[in-house]
Amino acid sequence: MEEKIRKILTSIFDGKNHHLIDVVIRGEKKNKIAEIYVDSENGIDLDELSAISREVNSALDSDEIIGEFLKVVVSSPGAENPFKYCWQLKKHVSRVLSFSSEGQALEGRLLDVNCDSEELVFEVLKSKKEVMEIRFKFSELENLIVKLPF
């Protein structure tokens, strides 16, 4: 079902600044909910989400797939969801991110993002007084999320 929805929604996002990040189906039978996550390099405000939601609902309605769901929710991925694409990180430069690399949990301030080479540069505390700069390929990292300040 997720793949069918992705296929339908591809035309909405083709050539636009917004990108389809993920489709998640939850629940069973008449209680199914479709969660559709979208993002852009510059972030998305509520007005944009509302417009995208109308387009998504219209596209799913015209394909008659919308009747299979109790609710269709369109939102940005949120801080608790790991990044799926390197370009999503551009708007998070200077923020602290947590991630794992080769099974080791790390956190560091994102200093630079180069999506052409998929290279990320982090400032990581080696000890209480020593800071080091570490470079990773986006594909080398798992569970890469923004570390919330609270």
N, C-alpha and C. Protein backbone atom coordinates (compact mmCIF):
# COMPACT_ATOMS: atom_id res chain seq x y z
N MET A 1 0.82 -1.20 0.00
CA MET A 1 0.00 0.00 0.00
C MET A 1 0.87 1.27 0.00
N GLU A 2 1.96 1.25 0.81
CA GLU A 2 2.84 2.43 0.84
C GLU A 2 3.39 2.75 -0.54
N GLU A 3 3.76 1.68 -1.28
CA GLU A 3 4.36 1.86 -2.60
C GLU A 3 3.34 2.46 -3.57
N LYS A 4 2.11 2.02 -3.46
CA LYS A 4 1.05 2.55 -4.33
C LYS A 4 0.84 4.04 -4.06
N ILE A 5 0.83 4.42 -2.79
CA ILE A 5 0.66 5.83 -2.42
C ILE A 5 1.85 6.65 -2.92
N ARG A 6 3.07 6.11 -2.75
CA ARG A 6 4.26 6.81 -3.25
C ARG A 6 4.14 7.09 -4.74
N LYS A 7 3.70 6.08 -5.49
CA LYS A 7 3.57 6.21 -6.93
C LYS A 7 2.57 7.30 -7.30
N ILE A 8 1.44 7.33 -6.59
CA ILE A 8 0.41 8.34 -6.85
C ILE A 8 0.93 9.74 -6.54
N LEU A 9 1.68 9.86 -5.44
CA LEU A 9 2.12 11.19 -4.99
C LEU A 9 3.36 11.71 -5.70
N THR A 10 4.05 10.86 -6.43
CA THR A 10 5.27 11.28 -7.13
C THR A 10 5.01 12.51 -8.01
N SER A 11 3.88 12.52 -8.69
CA SER A 11 3.59 13.65 -9.59
C SER A 11 3.40 14.97 -8.83
N ILE A 12 2.93 14.90 -7.59
CA ILE A 12 2.74 16.12 -6.80
C ILE A 12 4.08 16.77 -6.48
N PHE A 13 5.10 15.95 -6.22
CA PHE A 13 6.37 16.48 -5.76
C PHE A 13 7.40 16.64 -6.88
N ASP A 14 7.15 16.10 -8.06
CA ASP A 14 8.09 16.21 -9.17
C ASP A 14 8.35 17.67 -9.54
N GLY A 15 9.60 18.07 -9.52
CA GLY A 15 9.98 19.42 -9.93
C GLY A 15 9.64 20.52 -8.94
N LYS A 16 9.24 20.16 -7.74
CA LYS A 16 8.91 21.17 -6.73
C LYS A 16 9.97 21.19 -5.65
N ASN A 17 9.89 22.18 -4.77
CA ASN A 17 10.85 22.32 -3.68
C ASN A 17 10.59 21.34 -2.55
N HIS A 18 9.41 20.76 -2.51
CA HIS A 18 9.05 19.83 -1.45
C HIS A 18 9.26 18.40 -1.92
N HIS A 19 9.66 17.54 -0.99
CA HIS A 19 9.95 16.15 -1.33
C HIS A 19 9.18 15.20 -0.43
N LEU A 20 8.75 14.10 -1.00
CA LEU A 20 8.12 13.05 -0.23
C LEU A 20 9.22 12.29 0.50
N ILE A 21 9.15 12.26 1.83
CA ILE A 21 10.17 11.59 2.63
C ILE A 21 9.77 10.16 2.96
N ASP A 22 8.54 9.98 3.40
CA ASP A 22 8.12 8.65 3.82
C ASP A 22 6.61 8.54 3.82
N VAL A 23 6.13 7.31 3.68
CA VAL A 23 4.72 6.99 3.81
C VAL A 23 4.64 5.85 4.82
N VAL A 24 3.85 6.05 5.87
CA VAL A 24 3.69 5.04 6.91
C VAL A 24 2.20 4.75 7.08
N ILE A 25 1.84 3.48 7.01
CA ILE A 25 0.46 3.06 7.21
C ILE A 25 0.37 2.42 8.59
N ARG A 26 -0.56 2.89 9.40
CA ARG A 26 -0.76 2.34 10.74
C ARG A 26 -2.22 1.87 10.87
N GLY A 27 -2.42 0.90 11.75
CA GLY A 27 -3.77 0.41 12.03
C GLY A 27 -4.18 -0.71 11.09
N GLU A 28 -5.42 -1.15 11.27
CA GLU A 28 -5.95 -2.26 10.47
C GLU A 28 -7.35 -1.95 9.98
N LYS A 29 -7.72 -2.59 8.91
CA LYS A 29 -9.05 -2.51 8.30
C LYS A 29 -9.59 -1.09 8.24
N LYS A 30 -10.68 -0.81 8.93
CA LYS A 30 -11.32 0.51 8.84
C LYS A 30 -10.66 1.56 9.72
N ASN A 31 -9.64 1.19 10.47
CA ASN A 31 -8.95 2.14 11.35
C ASN A 31 -7.55 2.50 10.83
N LYS A 32 -7.31 2.32 9.54
CA LYS A 32 -5.99 2.62 8.98
C LYS A 32 -5.78 4.13 8.86
N ILE A 33 -4.57 4.52 9.20
CA ILE A 33 -4.16 5.92 9.07
C ILE A 33 -2.93 5.95 8.17
N ALA A 34 -2.94 6.85 7.20
CA ALA A 34 -1.78 7.05 6.32
C ALA A 34 -1.05 8.30 6.80
N GLU A 35 0.20 8.13 7.21
CA GLU A 35 1.04 9.27 7.60
C GLU A 35 1.99 9.54 6.46
N ILE A 36 1.94 10.75 5.93
CA ILE A 36 2.76 11.13 4.79
C ILE A 36 3.68 12.25 5.24
N TYR A 37 4.98 11.98 5.16
CA TYR A 37 5.98 12.95 5.63
C TYR A 37 6.62 13.64 4.44
N VAL A 38 6.66 14.97 4.50
CA VAL A 38 7.26 15.78 3.43
C VAL A 38 8.26 16.75 4.06
N ASP A 39 9.22 17.16 3.25
CA ASP A 39 10.24 18.10 3.74
C ASP A 39 10.78 18.89 2.56
N SER A 40 11.54 19.93 2.87
CA SER A 40 12.25 20.69 1.85
C SER A 40 13.57 21.16 2.44
N GLU A 41 14.46 21.64 1.61
CA GLU A 41 15.77 22.10 2.08
C GLU A 41 15.65 23.29 3.01
N ASN A 42 14.58 24.07 2.87
CA ASN A 42 14.40 25.27 3.68
C ASN A 42 13.38 25.11 4.79
N GLY A 43 12.86 23.90 4.96
CA GLY A 43 11.82 23.68 5.96
C GLY A 43 10.45 23.96 5.37
N ILE A 44 9.42 23.62 6.13
CA ILE A 44 8.05 23.79 5.66
C ILE A 44 7.25 24.48 6.76
N ASP A 45 6.48 25.50 6.37
CA ASP A 45 5.62 26.15 7.37
C ASP A 45 4.20 25.56 7.27
N LEU A 46 3.34 25.97 8.18
CA LEU A 46 1.99 25.41 8.26
C LEU A 46 1.16 25.69 7.01
N ASP A 47 1.33 26.86 6.41
CA ASP A 47 0.58 27.17 5.19
C ASP A 47 0.98 26.22 4.06
N GLU A 48 2.27 25.96 3.93
CA GLU A 48 2.74 25.04 2.90
C GLU A 48 2.24 23.63 3.16
N LEU A 49 2.29 23.19 4.42
CA LEU A 49 1.79 21.86 4.78
C LEU A 49 0.31 21.73 4.46
N SER A 50 -0.44 22.77 4.72
CA SER A 50 -1.87 22.77 4.45
C SER A 50 -2.13 22.62 2.94
N ALA A 51 -1.40 23.38 2.14
CA ALA A 51 -1.55 23.30 0.67
C ALA A 51 -1.16 21.92 0.15
N ILE A 52 -0.06 21.39 0.67
CA ILE A 52 0.39 20.06 0.26
C ILE A 52 -0.64 19.00 0.68
N SER A 53 -1.19 19.14 1.87
CA SER A 53 -2.21 18.21 2.36
C SER A 53 -3.42 18.18 1.43
N ARG A 54 -3.86 19.36 0.98
CA ARG A 54 -5.00 19.41 0.04
C ARG A 54 -4.65 18.69 -1.26
N GLU A 55 -3.44 18.91 -1.77
CA GLU A 55 -3.02 18.25 -3.01
C GLU A 55 -2.96 16.74 -2.82
N VAL A 56 -2.40 16.30 -1.70
CA VAL A 56 -2.27 14.87 -1.41
C VAL A 56 -3.65 14.23 -1.31
N ASN A 57 -4.54 14.84 -0.54
CA ASN A 57 -5.89 14.29 -0.39
C ASN A 57 -6.63 14.24 -1.72
N SER A 58 -6.46 15.27 -2.53
CA SER A 58 -7.10 15.29 -3.85
C SER A 58 -6.56 14.17 -4.74
N ALA A 59 -5.25 13.98 -4.74
CA ALA A 59 -4.64 12.92 -5.56
C ALA A 59 -5.10 11.54 -5.10
N LEU A 60 -5.13 11.32 -3.80
CA LEU A 60 -5.55 10.02 -3.27
C LEU A 60 -7.05 9.81 -3.48
N ASP A 61 -7.83 10.89 -3.42
CA ASP A 61 -9.28 10.80 -3.63
C ASP A 61 -9.58 10.44 -5.08
N SER A 62 -8.85 11.05 -6.02
CA SER A 62 -9.10 10.77 -7.43
C SER A 62 -8.72 9.33 -7.78
N ASP A 63 -7.86 8.73 -7.00
CA ASP A 63 -7.48 7.34 -7.23
C ASP A 63 -8.36 6.39 -6.37
N GLU A 64 -9.26 6.98 -5.61
CA GLU A 64 -10.19 6.26 -4.74
C GLU A 64 -9.50 5.42 -3.67
N ILE A 65 -8.24 5.72 -3.41
CA ILE A 65 -7.51 5.00 -2.36
C ILE A 65 -7.84 5.59 -0.98
N ILE A 66 -8.29 6.85 -0.97
CA ILE A 66 -8.52 7.55 0.29
C ILE A 66 -9.62 6.88 1.12
N GLY A 67 -10.56 6.20 0.48
CA GLY A 67 -11.65 5.52 1.18
C GLY A 67 -11.17 4.37 2.06
N GLU A 68 -9.96 3.91 1.85
CA GLU A 68 -9.41 2.82 2.66
C GLU A 68 -8.86 3.31 4.00
N PHE A 69 -8.84 4.62 4.20
CA PHE A 69 -8.22 5.17 5.40
C PHE A 69 -9.22 5.96 6.24
N LEU A 70 -9.08 5.82 7.55
CA LEU A 70 -9.84 6.61 8.49
C LEU A 70 -9.36 8.06 8.42
N LYS A 71 -8.04 8.21 8.25
CA LYS A 71 -7.44 9.55 8.24
C LYS A 71 -6.14 9.53 7.42
N VAL A 72 -5.86 10.64 6.74
CA VAL A 72 -4.60 10.85 6.05
C VAL A 72 -3.96 12.08 6.68
N VAL A 73 -2.74 11.89 7.22
CA VAL A 73 -2.05 12.98 7.91
C VAL A 73 -0.80 13.35 7.11
N VAL A 74 -0.66 14.63 6.81
CA VAL A 74 0.53 15.12 6.10
C VAL A 74 1.29 16.01 7.07
N SER A 75 2.58 15.71 7.28
CA SER A 75 3.38 16.53 8.19
C SER A 75 4.85 16.47 7.80
N SER A 76 5.64 17.31 8.46
CA SER A 76 7.09 17.21 8.29
C SER A 76 7.56 16.09 9.21
N PRO A 77 8.74 15.51 8.96
CA PRO A 77 9.17 14.34 9.72
C PRO A 77 9.30 14.55 11.23
N GLY A 78 9.65 15.72 11.68
CA GLY A 78 9.81 15.93 13.12
C GLY A 78 11.18 15.50 13.61
N ALA A 79 11.58 16.02 14.74
CA ALA A 79 12.93 15.80 15.28
C ALA A 79 13.19 14.36 15.70
N GLU A 80 12.14 13.60 16.00
CA GLU A 80 12.35 12.24 16.47
C GLU A 80 12.59 11.24 15.34
N ASN A 81 12.37 11.67 14.10
CA ASN A 81 12.58 10.78 12.96
C ASN A 81 13.97 10.97 12.37
N PRO A 82 14.71 9.88 12.17
CA PRO A 82 16.06 9.98 11.58
C PRO A 82 16.00 10.56 10.16
N PHE A 83 17.05 11.27 9.79
CA PHE A 83 17.14 11.83 8.45
C PHE A 83 17.32 10.72 7.44
N LYS A 84 16.63 10.85 6.30
CA LYS A 84 16.73 9.84 5.25
C LYS A 84 17.60 10.31 4.09
N TYR A 85 17.75 11.64 3.95
CA TYR A 85 18.49 12.20 2.82
C TYR A 85 19.47 13.25 3.31
N CYS A 86 20.61 13.31 2.66
CA CYS A 86 21.65 14.26 3.02
C CYS A 86 21.16 15.70 2.93
N TRP A 87 20.39 16.03 1.91
CA TRP A 87 19.94 17.41 1.71
C TRP A 87 19.10 17.92 2.89
N GLN A 88 18.47 17.02 3.64
CA GLN A 88 17.66 17.44 4.79
C GLN A 88 18.51 18.12 5.87
N LEU A 89 19.81 17.83 5.88
CA LEU A 89 20.68 18.34 6.93
C LEU A 89 21.12 19.79 6.72
N LYS A 90 20.99 20.30 5.52
CA LYS A 90 21.46 21.66 5.23
C LYS A 90 20.88 22.70 6.18
N LYS A 91 19.64 22.55 6.55
CA LYS A 91 19.01 23.53 7.43
C LYS A 91 19.35 23.30 8.90
N HIS A 92 20.16 22.29 9.19
CA HIS A 92 20.51 21.96 10.58
C HIS A 92 21.98 22.23 10.91
N VAL A 93 22.69 22.91 10.01
CA VAL A 93 24.08 23.27 10.30
C VAL A 93 24.10 24.13 11.56
N SER A 94 25.03 23.83 12.43
CA SER A 94 25.26 24.47 13.73
C SER A 94 24.40 23.87 14.85
N ARG A 95 23.55 22.92 14.54
CA ARG A 95 22.79 22.23 15.57
C ARG A 95 23.55 20.98 16.03
N VAL A 96 23.22 20.53 17.24
CA VAL A 96 23.81 19.30 17.76
C VAL A 96 22.94 18.13 17.31
N LEU A 97 23.59 17.12 16.74
CA LEU A 97 22.90 15.93 16.26
C LEU A 97 23.45 14.72 17.01
N SER A 98 22.61 13.72 17.18
CA SER A 98 23.10 12.45 17.72
C SER A 98 22.99 11.42 16.61
N PHE A 99 23.90 10.45 16.64
CA PHE A 99 23.97 9.45 15.58
C PHE A 99 24.83 8.28 16.03
N SER A 100 24.84 7.22 15.25
CA SER A 100 25.76 6.12 15.51
C SER A 100 26.57 5.85 14.26
N SER A 101 27.79 5.43 14.50
CA SER A 101 28.70 5.04 13.43
C SER A 101 29.45 3.80 13.90
N GLU A 102 29.33 2.75 13.11
CA GLU A 102 29.97 1.47 13.45
C GLU A 102 29.61 1.02 14.86
N GLY A 103 28.34 1.19 15.22
CA GLY A 103 27.86 0.74 16.52
C GLY A 103 28.16 1.66 17.68
N GLN A 104 28.90 2.74 17.45
CA GLN A 104 29.26 3.67 18.52
C GLN A 104 28.31 4.88 18.49
N ALA A 105 27.68 5.16 19.64
CA ALA A 105 26.79 6.32 19.75
C ALA A 105 27.63 7.58 19.92
N LEU A 106 27.30 8.60 19.12
CA LEU A 106 28.03 9.87 19.15
C LEU A 106 27.06 11.03 19.09
N GLU A 107 27.55 12.19 19.44
CA GLU A 107 26.81 13.41 19.17
C GLU A 107 27.81 14.51 18.90
N GLY A 108 27.39 15.44 18.06
CA GLY A 108 28.28 16.54 17.73
C GLY A 108 27.55 17.65 17.01
N ARG A 109 28.19 18.80 16.98
CA ARG A 109 27.62 19.95 16.29
C ARG A 109 27.94 19.81 14.80
N LEU A 110 26.91 19.91 13.98
CA LEU A 110 27.08 19.82 12.54
C LEU A 110 27.68 21.12 12.02
N LEU A 111 28.88 21.03 11.42
CA LEU A 111 29.57 22.21 10.93
C LEU A 111 29.36 22.47 9.45
N ASP A 112 29.26 21.37 8.67
CA ASP A 112 29.17 21.54 7.23
C ASP A 112 28.50 20.32 6.60
N VAL A 113 27.79 20.56 5.50
CA VAL A 113 27.13 19.51 4.73
C VAL A 113 27.49 19.70 3.27
N ASN A 114 28.05 18.67 2.65
CA ASN A 114 28.32 18.70 1.22
C ASN A 114 27.55 17.53 0.61
N CYS A 115 26.41 17.84 0.00
CA CYS A 115 25.56 16.77 -0.52
C CYS A 115 26.10 16.16 -1.81
N ASP A 116 26.96 16.87 -2.52
CA ASP A 116 27.55 16.28 -3.72
C ASP A 116 28.41 15.08 -3.36
N SER A 117 29.22 15.24 -2.32
CA SER A 117 30.08 14.13 -1.88
C SER A 117 29.45 13.37 -0.71
N GLU A 118 28.30 13.85 -0.23
CA GLU A 118 27.60 13.30 0.94
C GLU A 118 28.49 13.29 2.18
N GLU A 119 29.35 14.31 2.28
CA GLU A 119 30.25 14.42 3.42
C GLU A 119 29.67 15.39 4.46
N LEU A 120 29.70 14.95 5.71
CA LEU A 120 29.24 15.75 6.83
C LEU A 120 30.43 16.01 7.75
N VAL A 121 30.53 17.23 8.26
CA VAL A 121 31.61 17.58 9.18
C VAL A 121 30.98 17.92 10.53
N PHE A 122 31.47 17.24 11.57
CA PHE A 122 30.97 17.45 12.92
C PHE A 122 32.08 17.92 13.84
N GLU A 123 31.71 18.70 14.83
CA GLU A 123 32.59 19.07 15.93
C GLU A 123 32.14 18.19 17.11
N VAL A 124 33.04 17.31 17.53
CA VAL A 124 32.70 16.33 18.56
C VAL A 124 33.62 16.53 19.76
N LEU A 125 33.05 16.45 20.97
CA LEU A 125 33.86 16.53 22.19
C LEU A 125 34.59 15.21 22.39
N LYS A 126 35.90 15.27 22.39
CA LYS A 126 36.70 14.07 22.64
C LYS A 126 36.85 13.86 24.16
N SER A 127 37.04 14.94 24.86
CA SER A 127 37.07 14.94 26.32
C SER A 127 36.44 16.27 26.75
N LYS A 128 36.41 16.55 28.03
CA LYS A 128 35.76 17.78 28.50
C LYS A 128 36.42 19.03 27.93
N LYS A 129 37.71 18.94 27.60
CA LYS A 129 38.42 20.13 27.12
C LYS A 129 38.84 20.04 25.65
N GLU A 130 38.78 18.84 25.08
CA GLU A 130 39.28 18.67 23.72
C GLU A 130 38.14 18.43 22.73
N VAL A 131 38.12 19.28 21.71
CA VAL A 131 37.12 19.19 20.65
C VAL A 131 37.85 18.75 19.38
N MET A 132 37.24 17.83 18.65
CA MET A 132 37.86 17.43 17.39
C MET A 132 36.84 17.47 16.26
N GLU A 133 37.33 17.69 15.07
CA GLU A 133 36.50 17.74 13.88
C GLU A 133 36.54 16.36 13.23
N ILE A 134 35.38 15.80 12.96
CA ILE A 134 35.30 14.47 12.35
C ILE A 134 34.43 14.56 11.10
N ARG A 135 34.86 13.87 10.06
CA ARG A 135 34.12 13.82 8.80
C ARG A 135 33.53 12.42 8.62
N PHE A 136 32.30 12.39 8.18
CA PHE A 136 31.61 11.13 7.90
C PHE A 136 30.92 11.24 6.56
N LYS A 137 30.70 10.11 5.93
CA LYS A 137 29.81 10.04 4.78
C LYS A 137 28.41 9.85 5.35
N PHE A 138 27.44 10.46 4.75
CA PHE A 138 26.06 10.33 5.22
C PHE A 138 25.67 8.86 5.35
N SER A 139 26.07 8.05 4.39
CA SER A 139 25.71 6.62 4.38
C SER A 139 26.36 5.83 5.52
N GLU A 140 27.38 6.38 6.16
CA GLU A 140 28.06 5.69 7.27
C GLU A 140 27.32 5.85 8.61
N LEU A 141 26.34 6.74 8.64
CA LEU A 141 25.69 7.08 9.90
C LEU A 141 24.30 6.46 10.00
N GLU A 142 23.95 6.08 11.22
CA GLU A 142 22.63 5.53 11.49
C GLU A 142 21.95 6.38 12.56
N ASN A 143 20.63 6.36 12.55
CA ASN A 143 19.83 7.07 13.56
C ASN A 143 20.27 8.52 13.75
N LEU A 144 20.49 9.20 12.66
CA LEU A 144 20.93 10.59 12.68
C LEU A 144 19.73 11.49 12.94
N ILE A 145 19.68 12.11 14.13
CA ILE A 145 18.56 12.97 14.51
C ILE A 145 19.08 14.23 15.20
N VAL A 146 18.24 15.26 15.23
CA VAL A 146 18.55 16.49 15.95
C VAL A 146 18.42 16.20 17.44
N LYS A 147 19.41 16.62 18.20
CA LYS A 147 19.36 16.46 19.66
C LYS A 147 18.62 17.68 20.20
N LEU A 148 17.49 17.43 20.81
CA LEU A 148 16.69 18.53 21.35
C LEU A 148 17.33 19.06 22.63
N PRO A 149 17.25 20.37 22.87
CA PRO A 149 17.95 20.99 24.00
C PRO A 149 17.35 20.67 25.37
N PHE A 150 16.22 20.03 25.44
CA PHE A 150 15.62 19.73 26.75
C PHE A 150 15.68 18.29 27.11
